[in-house]
Amino acid sequence: MNRERLKALLAEYSGIALGTYLVLFAIVLTGFALAISAGVEVESAGGNAGLLAAAWVATKLTQPLRIAATVVLTPLVARVLRRQKVKAVADEARPAEPGRRQG
């Protein structure tokens, strides 16, 4: 992946790109934790810490894929969020129906 492309993405979609990356990170970490725990019986706090450590290592190994997914998904997420914002603004601007309370 081109470093300049990533910089351009962050410049244009800073908050959305960060949010997309963090959501992907959380999904992958949770998925690995669930997958690992499905095959392992954890009985102690140390076992839980080991489970999370193993899930974090597996998640860290997928970082290049998560960054690539962030680059691909961020413009799509931005479009969806902008559409929702436009729709919300349009709904607020629409006059209330007669006999119906605004609120």
PDB file of N, CA and C in Angstrom:
ATOM      1  N   MET A   1       0.837  -1.171   0.000  1.00  0.00           N
ATOM      2  CA  MET A   1       0.000   0.000   0.000  1.00  0.00           C
ATOM      3  C   MET A   1       0.883   1.235   0.000  1.00  0.00           C
ATOM      4  N   ASN A   2       0.433   2.244  -0.689  1.00  0.00           N
ATOM      5  CA  ASN A   2       1.172   3.478  -0.818  1.00  0.00           C
ATOM      6  C   ASN A   2       0.984   4.344   0.429  1.00  0.00           C
ATOM      7  N   ARG A   3       2.080   4.758   1.026  1.00  0.00           N
ATOM      8  CA  ARG A   3       2.032   5.585   2.239  1.00  0.00           C
ATOM      9  C   ARG A   3       1.351   6.918   1.957  1.00  0.00           C
ATOM     10  N   GLU A   4       1.554   7.469   0.767  1.00  0.00           N
ATOM     11  CA  GLU A   4       0.928   8.744   0.387  1.00  0.00           C
ATOM     12  C   GLU A   4      -0.594   8.609   0.311  1.00  0.00           C
ATOM     13  N   ARG A   5      -1.046   7.473  -0.171  1.00  0.00           N
ATOM     14  CA  ARG A   5      -2.494   7.232  -0.251  1.00  0.00           C
ATOM     15  C   ARG A   5      -3.108   7.199   1.147  1.00  0.00           C
ATOM     16  N   LEU A   6      -2.414   6.567   2.071  1.00  0.00           N
ATOM     17  CA  LEU A   6      -2.892   6.516   3.450  1.00  0.00           C
ATOM     18  C   LEU A   6      -2.915   7.909   4.070  1.00  0.00           C
ATOM     19  N   LYS A   7      -1.883   8.699   3.824  1.00  0.00           N
ATOM     20  CA  LYS A   7      -1.837  10.069   4.342  1.00  0.00           C
ATOM     21  C   LYS A   7      -2.974  10.906   3.773  1.00  0.00           C
ATOM     22  N   ALA A   8      -3.254  10.746   2.487  1.00  0.00           N
ATOM     23  CA  ALA A   8      -4.345  11.484   1.849  1.00  0.00           C
ATOM     24  C   ALA A   8      -5.692  11.081   2.447  1.00  0.00           C
ATOM     25  N   LEU A   9      -5.855   9.798   2.700  1.00  0.00           N
ATOM     26  CA  LEU A   9      -7.090   9.302   3.313  1.00  0.00           C
ATOM     27  C   LEU A   9      -7.281   9.916   4.692  1.00  0.00           C
ATOM     28  N   LEU A  10      -6.219   9.938   5.489  1.00  0.00           N
ATOM     29  CA  LEU A  10      -6.308  10.503   6.834  1.00  0.00           C
ATOM     30  C   LEU A  10      -6.575  12.004   6.791  1.00  0.00           C
ATOM     31  N   ALA A  11      -6.008  12.691   5.807  1.00  0.00           N
ATOM     32  CA  ALA A  11      -6.232  14.129   5.685  1.00  0.00           C
ATOM     33  C   ALA A  11      -7.692  14.422   5.333  1.00  0.00           C
ATOM     34  N   GLU A  12      -8.265  13.598   4.472  1.00  0.00           N
ATOM     35  CA  GLU A  12      -9.638  13.848   4.028  1.00  0.00           C
ATOM     36  C   GLU A  12     -10.690  13.348   5.014  1.00  0.00           C
ATOM     37  N   TYR A  13     -10.459  12.194   5.610  1.00  0.00           N
ATOM     38  CA  TYR A  13     -11.472  11.542   6.445  1.00  0.00           C
ATOM     39  C   TYR A  13     -10.971  11.280   7.866  1.00  0.00           C
ATOM     40  N   SER A  14     -10.183  12.132   8.443  1.00  0.00           N
ATOM     41  CA  SER A  14      -9.460  11.840   9.690  1.00  0.00           C
ATOM     42  C   SER A  14     -10.286  11.081  10.729  1.00  0.00           C
ATOM     43  N   GLY A  15     -11.362  11.650  11.221  1.00  0.00           N
ATOM     44  CA  GLY A  15     -12.155  11.006  12.267  1.00  0.00           C
ATOM     45  C   GLY A  15     -12.842   9.741  11.799  1.00  0.00           C
ATOM     46  N   ILE A  16     -13.360   9.770  10.587  1.00  0.00           N
ATOM     47  CA  ILE A  16     -14.058   8.606  10.048  1.00  0.00           C
ATOM     48  C   ILE A  16     -13.072   7.469   9.815  1.00  0.00           C
ATOM     49  N   ALA A  17     -11.879   7.794   9.304  1.00  0.00           N
ATOM     50  CA  ALA A  17     -10.866   6.760   9.075  1.00  0.00           C
ATOM     51  C   ALA A  17     -10.440   6.125  10.396  1.00  0.00           C
ATOM     52  N   LEU A  18     -10.223   6.951  11.407  1.00  0.00           N
ATOM     53  CA  LEU A  18      -9.830   6.423  12.714  1.00  0.00           C
ATOM     54  C   LEU A  18     -10.943   5.560  13.296  1.00  0.00           C
ATOM     55  N   GLY A  19     -12.169   6.040  13.210  1.00  0.00           N
ATOM     56  CA  GLY A  19     -13.304   5.265  13.720  1.00  0.00           C
ATOM     57  C   GLY A  19     -13.458   3.942  12.990  1.00  0.00           C
ATOM     58  N   THR A  20     -13.316   3.959  11.670  1.00  0.00           N
ATOM     59  CA  THR A  20     -13.415   2.730  10.877  1.00  0.00           C
ATOM     60  C   THR A  20     -12.331   1.742  11.294  1.00  0.00           C
ATOM     61  N   TYR A  21     -11.104   2.236  11.442  1.00  0.00           N
ATOM     62  CA  TYR A  21      -9.998   1.364  11.850  1.00  0.00           C
ATOM     63  C   TYR A  21     -10.263   0.759  13.235  1.00  0.00           C
ATOM     64  N   LEU A  22     -10.716   1.580  14.168  1.00  0.00           N
ATOM     65  CA  LEU A  22     -10.951   1.079  15.536  1.00  0.00           C
ATOM     66  C   LEU A  22     -12.094   0.068  15.581  1.00  0.00           C
ATOM     67  N   VAL A  23     -13.124   0.294  14.786  1.00  0.00           N
ATOM     68  CA  VAL A  23     -14.225  -0.684  14.727  1.00  0.00           C
ATOM     69  C   VAL A  23     -13.721  -1.999  14.149  1.00  0.00           C
ATOM     70  N   LEU A  24     -12.942  -1.925  13.077  1.00  0.00           N
ATOM     71  CA  LEU A  24     -12.364  -3.147  12.507  1.00  0.00           C
ATOM     72  C   LEU A  24     -11.475  -3.862  13.524  1.00  0.00           C
ATOM     73  N   PHE A  25     -10.654  -3.087  14.238  1.00  0.00           N
ATOM     74  CA  PHE A  25      -9.780  -3.668  15.263  1.00  0.00           C
ATOM     75  C   PHE A  25     -10.609  -4.401  16.315  1.00  0.00           C
ATOM     76  N   ALA A  26     -11.662  -3.754  16.807  1.00  0.00           N
ATOM     77  CA  ALA A  26     -12.501  -4.367  17.840  1.00  0.00           C
ATOM     78  C   ALA A  26     -13.187  -5.637  17.334  1.00  0.00           C
ATOM     79  N   ILE A  27     -13.662  -5.604  16.100  1.00  0.00           N
ATOM     80  CA  ILE A  27     -14.324  -6.783  15.523  1.00  0.00           C
ATOM     81  C   ILE A  27     -13.338  -7.940  15.391  1.00  0.00           C
ATOM     82  N   VAL A  28     -12.142  -7.653  14.876  1.00  0.00           N
ATOM     83  CA  VAL A  28     -11.141  -8.714  14.681  1.00  0.00           C
ATOM     84  C   VAL A  28     -10.675  -9.255  16.032  1.00  0.00           C
ATOM     85  N   LEU A  29     -10.403  -8.370  16.984  1.00  0.00           N
ATOM     86  CA  LEU A  29      -9.963  -8.811  18.318  1.00  0.00           C
ATOM     87  C   LEU A  29     -11.028  -9.692  18.977  1.00  0.00           C
ATOM     88  N   THR A  30     -12.272  -9.243  18.913  1.00  0.00           N
ATOM     89  CA  THR A  30     -13.368 -10.029  19.488  1.00  0.00           C
ATOM     90  C   THR A  30     -13.517 -11.369  18.774  1.00  0.00           C
ATOM     91  N   GLY A  31     -13.413 -11.340  17.456  1.00  0.00           N
ATOM     92  CA  GLY A  31     -13.525 -12.580  16.692  1.00  0.00           C
ATOM     93  C   GLY A  31     -12.437 -13.581  17.045  1.00  0.00           C
ATOM     94  N   PHE A  32     -11.192 -13.097  17.152  1.00  0.00           N
ATOM     95  CA  PHE A  32     -10.105 -13.998  17.545  1.00  0.00           C
ATOM     96  C   PHE A  32     -10.306 -14.507  18.969  1.00  0.00           C
ATOM     97  N   ALA A  33     -10.723 -13.647  19.872  1.00  0.00           N
ATOM     98  CA  ALA A  33     -10.948 -14.077  21.261  1.00  0.00           C
ATOM     99  C   ALA A  33     -12.026 -15.157  21.317  1.00  0.00           C
ATOM    100  N   LEU A  34     -13.101 -14.958  20.566  1.00  0.00           N
ATOM    101  CA  LEU A  34     -14.176 -15.969  20.552  1.00  0.00           C
ATOM    102  C   LEU A  34     -13.707 -17.269  19.913  1.00  0.00           C
ATOM    103  N   ALA A  35     -12.953 -17.145  18.821  1.00  0.00           N
ATOM    104  CA  ALA A  35     -12.454 -18.343  18.143  1.00  0.00           C
ATOM    105  C   ALA A  35     -11.484 -19.116  19.023  1.00  0.00           C
ATOM    106  N   ILE A  36     -10.591 -18.396  19.683  1.00  0.00           N
ATOM    107  CA  ILE A  36      -9.622 -19.062  20.559  1.00  0.00           C
ATOM    108  C   ILE A  36     -10.321 -19.683  21.754  1.00  0.00           C
ATOM    109  N   SER A  37     -11.282 -18.951  22.335  1.00  0.00           N
ATOM    110  CA  SER A  37     -11.972 -19.474  23.520  1.00  0.00           C
ATOM    111  C   SER A  37     -12.854 -20.670  23.182  1.00  0.00           C
ATOM    112  N   ALA A  38     -13.289 -20.773  21.933  1.00  0.00           N
ATOM    113  CA  ALA A  38     -14.121 -21.915  21.536  1.00  0.00           C
ATOM    114  C   ALA A  38     -13.336 -23.221  21.619  1.00  0.00           C
ATOM    115  N   GLY A  39     -12.016 -23.116  21.483  1.00  0.00           N
ATOM    116  CA  GLY A  39     -11.197 -24.314  21.538  1.00  0.00           C
ATOM    117  C   GLY A  39     -10.422 -24.471  22.836  1.00  0.00           C
ATOM    118  N   VAL A  40     -10.578 -23.523  23.760  1.00  0.00           N
ATOM    119  CA  VAL A  40      -9.787 -23.530  24.995  1.00  0.00           C
ATOM    120  C   VAL A  40     -10.711 -23.296  26.181  1.00  0.00           C
ATOM    121  N   GLU A  41     -10.534 -24.106  27.230  1.00  0.00           N
ATOM    122  CA  GLU A  41     -11.268 -23.872  28.461  1.00  0.00           C
ATOM    123  C   GLU A  41     -10.428 -23.008  29.371  1.00  0.00           C
ATOM    124  N   VAL A  42     -10.949 -21.819  29.685  1.00  0.00           N
ATOM    125  CA  VAL A  42     -10.219 -20.883  30.534  1.00  0.00           C
ATOM    126  C   VAL A  42     -10.832 -20.937  31.924  1.00  0.00           C
ATOM    127  N   GLU A  43     -10.019 -21.275  32.920  1.00  0.00           N
ATOM    128  CA  GLU A  43     -10.529 -21.437  34.271  1.00  0.00           C
ATOM    129  C   GLU A  43     -10.085 -20.337  35.222  1.00  0.00           C
ATOM    130  N   SER A  44      -9.046 -19.604  34.881  1.00  0.00           N
ATOM    131  CA  SER A  44      -8.494 -18.643  35.840  1.00  0.00           C
ATOM    132  C   SER A  44      -8.344 -17.269  35.212  1.00  0.00           C
ATOM    133  N   ALA A  45      -8.031 -16.282  36.061  1.00  0.00           N
ATOM    134  CA  ALA A  45      -7.780 -14.932  35.568  1.00  0.00           C
ATOM    135  C   ALA A  45      -6.553 -14.938  34.653  1.00  0.00           C
ATOM    136  N   GLY A  46      -5.549 -15.726  35.009  1.00  0.00           N
ATOM    137  CA  GLY A  46      -4.366 -15.849  34.161  1.00  0.00           C
ATOM    138  C   GLY A  46      -4.719 -16.436  32.812  1.00  0.00           C
ATOM    139  N   GLY A  47      -5.647 -17.356  32.802  1.00  0.00           N
ATOM    140  CA  GLY A  47      -6.113 -17.940  31.545  1.00  0.00           C
ATOM    141  C   GLY A  47      -6.825 -16.910  30.687  1.00  0.00           C
ATOM    142  N   ASN A  48      -7.625 -16.064  31.332  1.00  0.00           N
ATOM    143  CA  ASN A  48      -8.302 -14.990  30.601  1.00  0.00           C
ATOM    144  C   ASN A  48      -7.284 -14.009  30.025  1.00  0.00           C
ATOM    145  N   ALA A  49      -6.272 -13.683  30.797  1.00  0.00           N
ATOM    146  CA  ALA A  49      -5.228 -12.775  30.308  1.00  0.00           C
ATOM    147  C   ALA A  49      -4.493 -13.422  29.137  1.00  0.00           C
ATOM    148  N   GLY A  50      -4.226 -14.714  29.236  1.00  0.00           N
ATOM    149  CA  GLY A  50      -3.575 -15.428  28.139  1.00  0.00           C
ATOM    150  C   GLY A  50      -4.436 -15.445  26.888  1.00  0.00           C
ATOM    151  N   LEU A  51      -5.735 -15.603  27.087  1.00  0.00           N
ATOM    152  CA  LEU A  51      -6.671 -15.590  25.964  1.00  0.00           C
ATOM    153  C   LEU A  51      -6.631 -14.240  25.259  1.00  0.00           C
ATOM    154  N   LEU A  52      -6.709 -13.167  26.042  1.00  0.00           N
ATOM    155  CA  LEU A  52      -6.675 -11.832  25.438  1.00  0.00           C
ATOM    156  C   LEU A  52      -5.331 -11.540  24.782  1.00  0.00           C
ATOM    157  N   ALA A  53      -4.246 -12.003  25.393  1.00  0.00           N
ATOM    158  CA  ALA A  53      -2.922 -11.803  24.796  1.00  0.00           C
ATOM    159  C   ALA A  53      -2.814 -12.538  23.459  1.00  0.00           C
ATOM    160  N   ALA A  54      -3.301 -13.763  23.417  1.00  0.00           N
ATOM    161  CA  ALA A  54      -3.263 -14.527  22.172  1.00  0.00           C
ATOM    162  C   ALA A  54      -4.132 -13.860  21.106  1.00  0.00           C
ATOM    163  N   ALA A  55      -5.306 -13.375  21.505  1.00  0.00           N
ATOM    164  CA  ALA A  55      -6.188 -12.686  20.554  1.00  0.00           C
ATOM    165  C   ALA A  55      -5.534 -11.404  20.059  1.00  0.00           C
ATOM    166  N   TRP A  56      -4.847 -10.676  20.948  1.00  0.00           N
ATOM    167  CA  TRP A  56      -4.183  -9.435  20.544  1.00  0.00           C
ATOM    168  C   TRP A  56      -3.054  -9.727  19.554  1.00  0.00           C
ATOM    169  N   VAL A  57      -2.268 -10.770  19.810  1.00  0.00           N
ATOM    170  CA  VAL A  57      -1.177 -11.127  18.895  1.00  0.00           C
ATOM    171  C   VAL A  57      -1.748 -11.494  17.524  1.00  0.00           C
ATOM    172  N   ALA A  58      -2.801 -12.280  17.513  1.00  0.00           N
ATOM    173  CA  ALA A  58      -3.418 -12.662  16.239  1.00  0.00           C
ATOM    174  C   ALA A  58      -3.962 -11.427  15.519  1.00  0.00           C
ATOM    175  N   THR A  59      -4.554 -10.515  16.273  1.00  0.00           N
ATOM    176  CA  THR A  59      -5.081  -9.283  15.703  1.00  0.00           C
ATOM    177  C   THR A  59      -3.948  -8.428  15.145  1.00  0.00           C
ATOM    178  N   LYS A  60      -2.842  -8.357  15.877  1.00  0.00           N
ATOM    179  CA  LYS A  60      -1.685  -7.572  15.433  1.00  0.00           C
ATOM    180  C   LYS A  60      -1.145  -8.113  14.105  1.00  0.00           C
ATOM    181  N   LEU A  61      -1.181  -9.417  13.944  1.00  0.00           N
ATOM    182  CA  LEU A  61      -0.694 -10.025  12.703  1.00  0.00           C
ATOM    183  C   LEU A  61      -1.553  -9.643  11.493  1.00  0.00           C
ATOM    184  N   THR A  62      -2.804  -9.282  11.752  1.00  0.00           N
ATOM    185  CA  THR A  62      -3.701  -8.900  10.653  1.00  0.00           C
ATOM    186  C   THR A  62      -3.679  -7.390  10.383  1.00  0.00           C
ATOM    187  N   GLN A  63      -2.789  -6.657  11.035  1.00  0.00           N
ATOM    188  CA  GLN A  63      -2.782  -5.203  10.895  1.00  0.00           C
ATOM    189  C   GLN A  63      -2.691  -4.724   9.441  1.00  0.00           C
ATOM    190  N   PRO A  64      -1.815  -5.269   8.607  1.00  0.00           N
ATOM    191  CA  PRO A  64      -1.787  -4.789   7.211  1.00  0.00           C
ATOM    192  C   PRO A  64      -3.129  -4.981   6.494  1.00  0.00           C
ATOM    193  N   LEU A  65      -3.797  -6.074   6.786  1.00  0.00           N
ATOM    194  CA  LEU A  65      -5.114  -6.308   6.178  1.00  0.00           C
ATOM    195  C   LEU A  65      -6.148  -5.317   6.706  1.00  0.00           C
ATOM    196  N   ARG A  66      -6.083  -5.011   7.997  1.00  0.00           N
ATOM    197  CA  ARG A  66      -7.024  -4.051   8.580  1.00  0.00           C
ATOM    198  C   ARG A  66      -6.784  -2.648   8.022  1.00  0.00           C
ATOM    199  N   ILE A  67      -5.522  -2.290   7.808  1.00  0.00           N
ATOM    200  CA  ILE A  67      -5.228  -0.975   7.229  1.00  0.00           C
ATOM    201  C   ILE A  67      -5.763  -0.908   5.799  1.00  0.00           C
ATOM    202  N   ALA A  68      -5.553  -1.963   5.031  1.00  0.00           N
ATOM    203  CA  ALA A  68      -6.081  -2.005   3.660  1.00  0.00           C
ATOM    204  C   ALA A  68      -7.605  -1.926   3.667  1.00  0.00           C
ATOM    205  N   ALA A  69      -8.238  -2.651   4.580  1.00  0.00           N
ATOM    206  CA  ALA A  69      -9.697  -2.606   4.679  1.00  0.00           C
ATOM    207  C   ALA A  69     -10.171  -1.210   5.072  1.00  0.00           C
ATOM    208  N   THR A  70      -9.431  -0.547   5.935  1.00  0.00           N
ATOM    209  CA  THR A  70      -9.770   0.821   6.332  1.00  0.00           C
ATOM    210  C   THR A  70      -9.714   1.756   5.134  1.00  0.00           C
ATOM    211  N   VAL A  71      -8.681   1.607   4.311  1.00  0.00           N
ATOM    212  CA  VAL A  71      -8.537   2.450   3.115  1.00  0.00           C
ATOM    213  C   VAL A  71      -9.720   2.234   2.169  1.00  0.00           C
ATOM    214  N   VAL A  72     -10.153   1.002   2.030  1.00  0.00           N
ATOM    215  CA  VAL A  72     -11.255   0.691   1.120  1.00  0.00           C
ATOM    216  C   VAL A  72     -12.608   1.115   1.712  1.00  0.00           C
ATOM    217  N   LEU A  73     -12.810   0.871   3.005  1.00  0.00           N
ATOM    218  CA  LEU A  73     -14.121   1.094   3.616  1.00  0.00           C
ATOM    219  C   LEU A  73     -14.398   2.537   4.022  1.00  0.00           C
ATOM    220  N   THR A  74     -13.362   3.306   4.336  1.00  0.00           N
ATOM    221  CA  THR A  74     -13.584   4.657   4.861  1.00  0.00           C
ATOM    222  C   THR A  74     -14.412   5.542   3.929  1.00  0.00           C
ATOM    223  N   PRO A  75     -14.119   5.612   2.624  1.00  0.00           N
ATOM    224  CA  PRO A  75     -14.978   6.449   1.761  1.00  0.00           C
ATOM    225  C   PRO A  75     -16.440   5.975   1.750  1.00  0.00           C
ATOM    226  N   LEU A  76     -16.653   4.669   1.818  1.00  0.00           N
ATOM    227  CA  LEU A  76     -18.023   4.141   1.856  1.00  0.00           C
ATOM    228  C   LEU A  76     -18.727   4.531   3.144  1.00  0.00           C
ATOM    229  N   VAL A  77     -18.021   4.403   4.260  1.00  0.00           N
ATOM    230  CA  VAL A  77     -18.584   4.776   5.560  1.00  0.00           C
ATOM    231  C   VAL A  77     -18.897   6.277   5.574  1.00  0.00           C
ATOM    232  N   ALA A  78     -17.995   7.085   5.028  1.00  0.00           N
ATOM    233  CA  ALA A  78     -18.213   8.534   4.971  1.00  0.00           C
ATOM    234  C   ALA A  78     -19.468   8.862   4.170  1.00  0.00           C
ATOM    235  N   ARG A  79     -19.664   8.179   3.036  1.00  0.00           N
ATOM    236  CA  ARG A  79     -20.861   8.415   2.225  1.00  0.00           C
ATOM    237  C   ARG A  79     -22.134   8.082   2.992  1.00  0.00           C
ATOM    238  N   VAL A  80     -22.127   6.947   3.678  1.00  0.00           N
ATOM    239  CA  VAL A  80     -23.307   6.540   4.453  1.00  0.00           C
ATOM    240  C   VAL A  80     -23.589   7.550   5.556  1.00  0.00           C
ATOM    241  N   LEU A  81     -22.550   7.975   6.277  1.00  0.00           N
ATOM    242  CA  LEU A  81     -22.737   8.938   7.352  1.00  0.00           C
ATOM    243  C   LEU A  81     -23.242  10.276   6.820  1.00  0.00           C
ATOM    244  N   ARG A  82     -22.721  10.705   5.683  1.00  0.00           N
ATOM    245  CA  ARG A  82     -23.185  11.974   5.093  1.00  0.00           C
ATOM    246  C   ARG A  82     -24.641  11.880   4.662  1.00  0.00           C
ATOM    247  N   ARG A  83     -25.031  10.748   4.084  1.00  0.00           N
ATOM    248  CA  ARG A  83     -26.439  10.567   3.693  1.00  0.00           C
ATOM    249  C   ARG A  83     -27.350  10.621   4.910  1.00  0.00           C
ATOM    250  N   GLN A  84     -26.932   9.968   5.995  1.00  0.00           N
ATOM    251  CA  GLN A  84     -27.737   9.993   7.215  1.00  0.00           C
ATOM    252  C   GLN A  84     -27.843  11.409   7.765  1.00  0.00           C
ATOM    253  N   LYS A  85     -26.749  12.161   7.695  1.00  0.00           N
ATOM    254  CA  LYS A  85     -26.751  13.538   8.188  1.00  0.00           C
ATOM    255  C   LYS A  85     -27.678  14.399   7.335  1.00  0.00           C
ATOM    256  N   VAL A  86     -27.604  14.257   6.019  1.00  0.00           N
ATOM    257  CA  VAL A  86     -28.470  15.021   5.123  1.00  0.00           C
ATOM    258  C   VAL A  86     -29.924  14.670   5.383  1.00  0.00           C
ATOM    259  N   LYS A  87     -30.197  13.392   5.578  1.00  0.00           N
ATOM    260  CA  LYS A  87     -31.566  12.958   5.844  1.00  0.00           C
ATOM    261  C   LYS A  87     -32.061  13.533   7.165  1.00  0.00           C
ATOM    262  N   ALA A  88     -31.213  13.531   8.190  1.00  0.00           N
ATOM    263  CA  ALA A  88     -31.606  14.069   9.489  1.00  0.00           C
ATOM    264  C   ALA A  88     -31.887  15.566   9.391  1.00  0.00           C
ATOM    265  N   VAL A  89     -31.064  16.295   8.644  1.00  0.00           N
ATOM    266  CA  VAL A  89     -31.278  17.732   8.472  1.00  0.00           C
ATOM    267  C   VAL A  89     -32.575  17.977   7.708  1.00  0.00           C
ATOM    268  N   ALA A  90     -32.830  17.177   6.685  1.00  0.00           N
ATOM    269  CA  ALA A  90     -34.061  17.317   5.904  1.00  0.00           C
ATOM    270  C   ALA A  90     -35.282  17.013   6.765  1.00  0.00           C
ATOM    271  N   ASP A  91     -35.185  16.002   7.614  1.00  0.00           N
ATOM    272  CA  ASP A  91     -36.297  15.651   8.501  1.00  0.00           C
ATOM    273  C   ASP A  91     -36.580  16.776   9.492  1.00  0.00           C
ATOM    274  N   GLU A  92     -35.526  17.434   9.985  1.00  0.00           N
ATOM    275  CA  GLU A  92     -35.705  18.540  10.919  1.00  0.00           C
ATOM    276  C   GLU A  92     -36.322  19.753  10.225  1.00  0.00           C
ATOM    277  N   ALA A  93     -35.997  19.954   8.969  1.00  0.00           N
ATOM    278  CA  ALA A  93     -36.491  21.113   8.228  1.00  0.00           C
ATOM    279  C   ALA A  93     -37.937  20.928   7.764  1.00  0.00           C
ATOM    280  N   ARG A  94     -38.381  19.685   7.682  1.00  0.00           N
ATOM    281  CA  ARG A  94     -39.735  19.395   7.226  1.00  0.00           C
ATOM    282  C   ARG A  94     -40.735  19.885   8.279  1.00  0.00           C
ATOM    283  N   PRO A  95     -41.785  20.605   7.839  1.00  0.00           N
ATOM    284  CA  PRO A  95     -42.785  21.077   8.815  1.00  0.00           C
ATOM    285  C   PRO A  95     -43.526  19.901   9.437  1.00  0.00           C
ATOM    286  N   ALA A  96     -43.923  20.106  10.664  1.00  0.00           N
ATOM    287  CA  ALA A  96     -44.640  19.057  11.388  1.00  0.00           C
ATOM    288  C   ALA A  96     -46.008  18.843  10.753  1.00  0.00           C
ATOM    289  N   GLU A  97     -46.497  17.615  10.824  1.00  0.00           N
ATOM    290  CA  GLU A  97     -47.823  17.308  10.320  1.00  0.00           C
ATOM    291  C   GLU A  97     -48.856  17.945  11.236  1.00  0.00           C
ATOM    292  N   PRO A  98     -49.987  18.419  10.683  1.00  0.00           N
ATOM    293  CA  PRO A  98     -51.015  19.014  11.536  1.00  0.00           C
ATOM    294  C   PRO A  98     -51.488  17.998  12.581  1.00  0.00           C
ATOM    295  N   GLY A  99     -51.638  18.469  13.791  1.00  0.00           N
ATOM    296  CA  GLY A  99     -52.111  17.615  14.873  1.00  0.00           C
ATOM    297  C   GLY A  99     -51.039  16.759  15.489  1.00  0.00           C
ATOM    298  N   ARG A 100     -49.823  16.899  15.030  1.00  0.00           N
ATOM    299  CA  ARG A 100     -48.720  16.095  15.574  1.00  0.00           C
ATOM    300  C   ARG A 100     -47.718  17.005  16.232  1.00  0.00           C
ATOM    301  N   ARG A 101     -47.265  16.610  17.386  1.00  0.00           N
ATOM    302  CA  ARG A 101     -46.301  17.402  18.137  1.00  0.00           C
ATOM    303  C   ARG A 101     -44.908  17.236  17.563  1.00  0.00           C
ATOM    304  N   GLN A 102     -44.134  18.318  17.603  1.00  0.00           N
ATOM    305  CA  GLN A 102     -42.730  18.229  17.259  1.00  0.00           C
ATOM    306  C   GLN A 102     -41.962  17.941  18.529  1.00  0.00           C
ATOM    307  N   GLY A 103     -40.856  17.236  18.398  1.00  0.00           N
ATOM    308  CA  GLY A 103     -40.108  17.026  19.626  1.00  0.00           C
ATOM    309  C   GLY A 103     -39.132  16.033  19.491  1.00  0.00           C
TER     310      GLY A 103
END
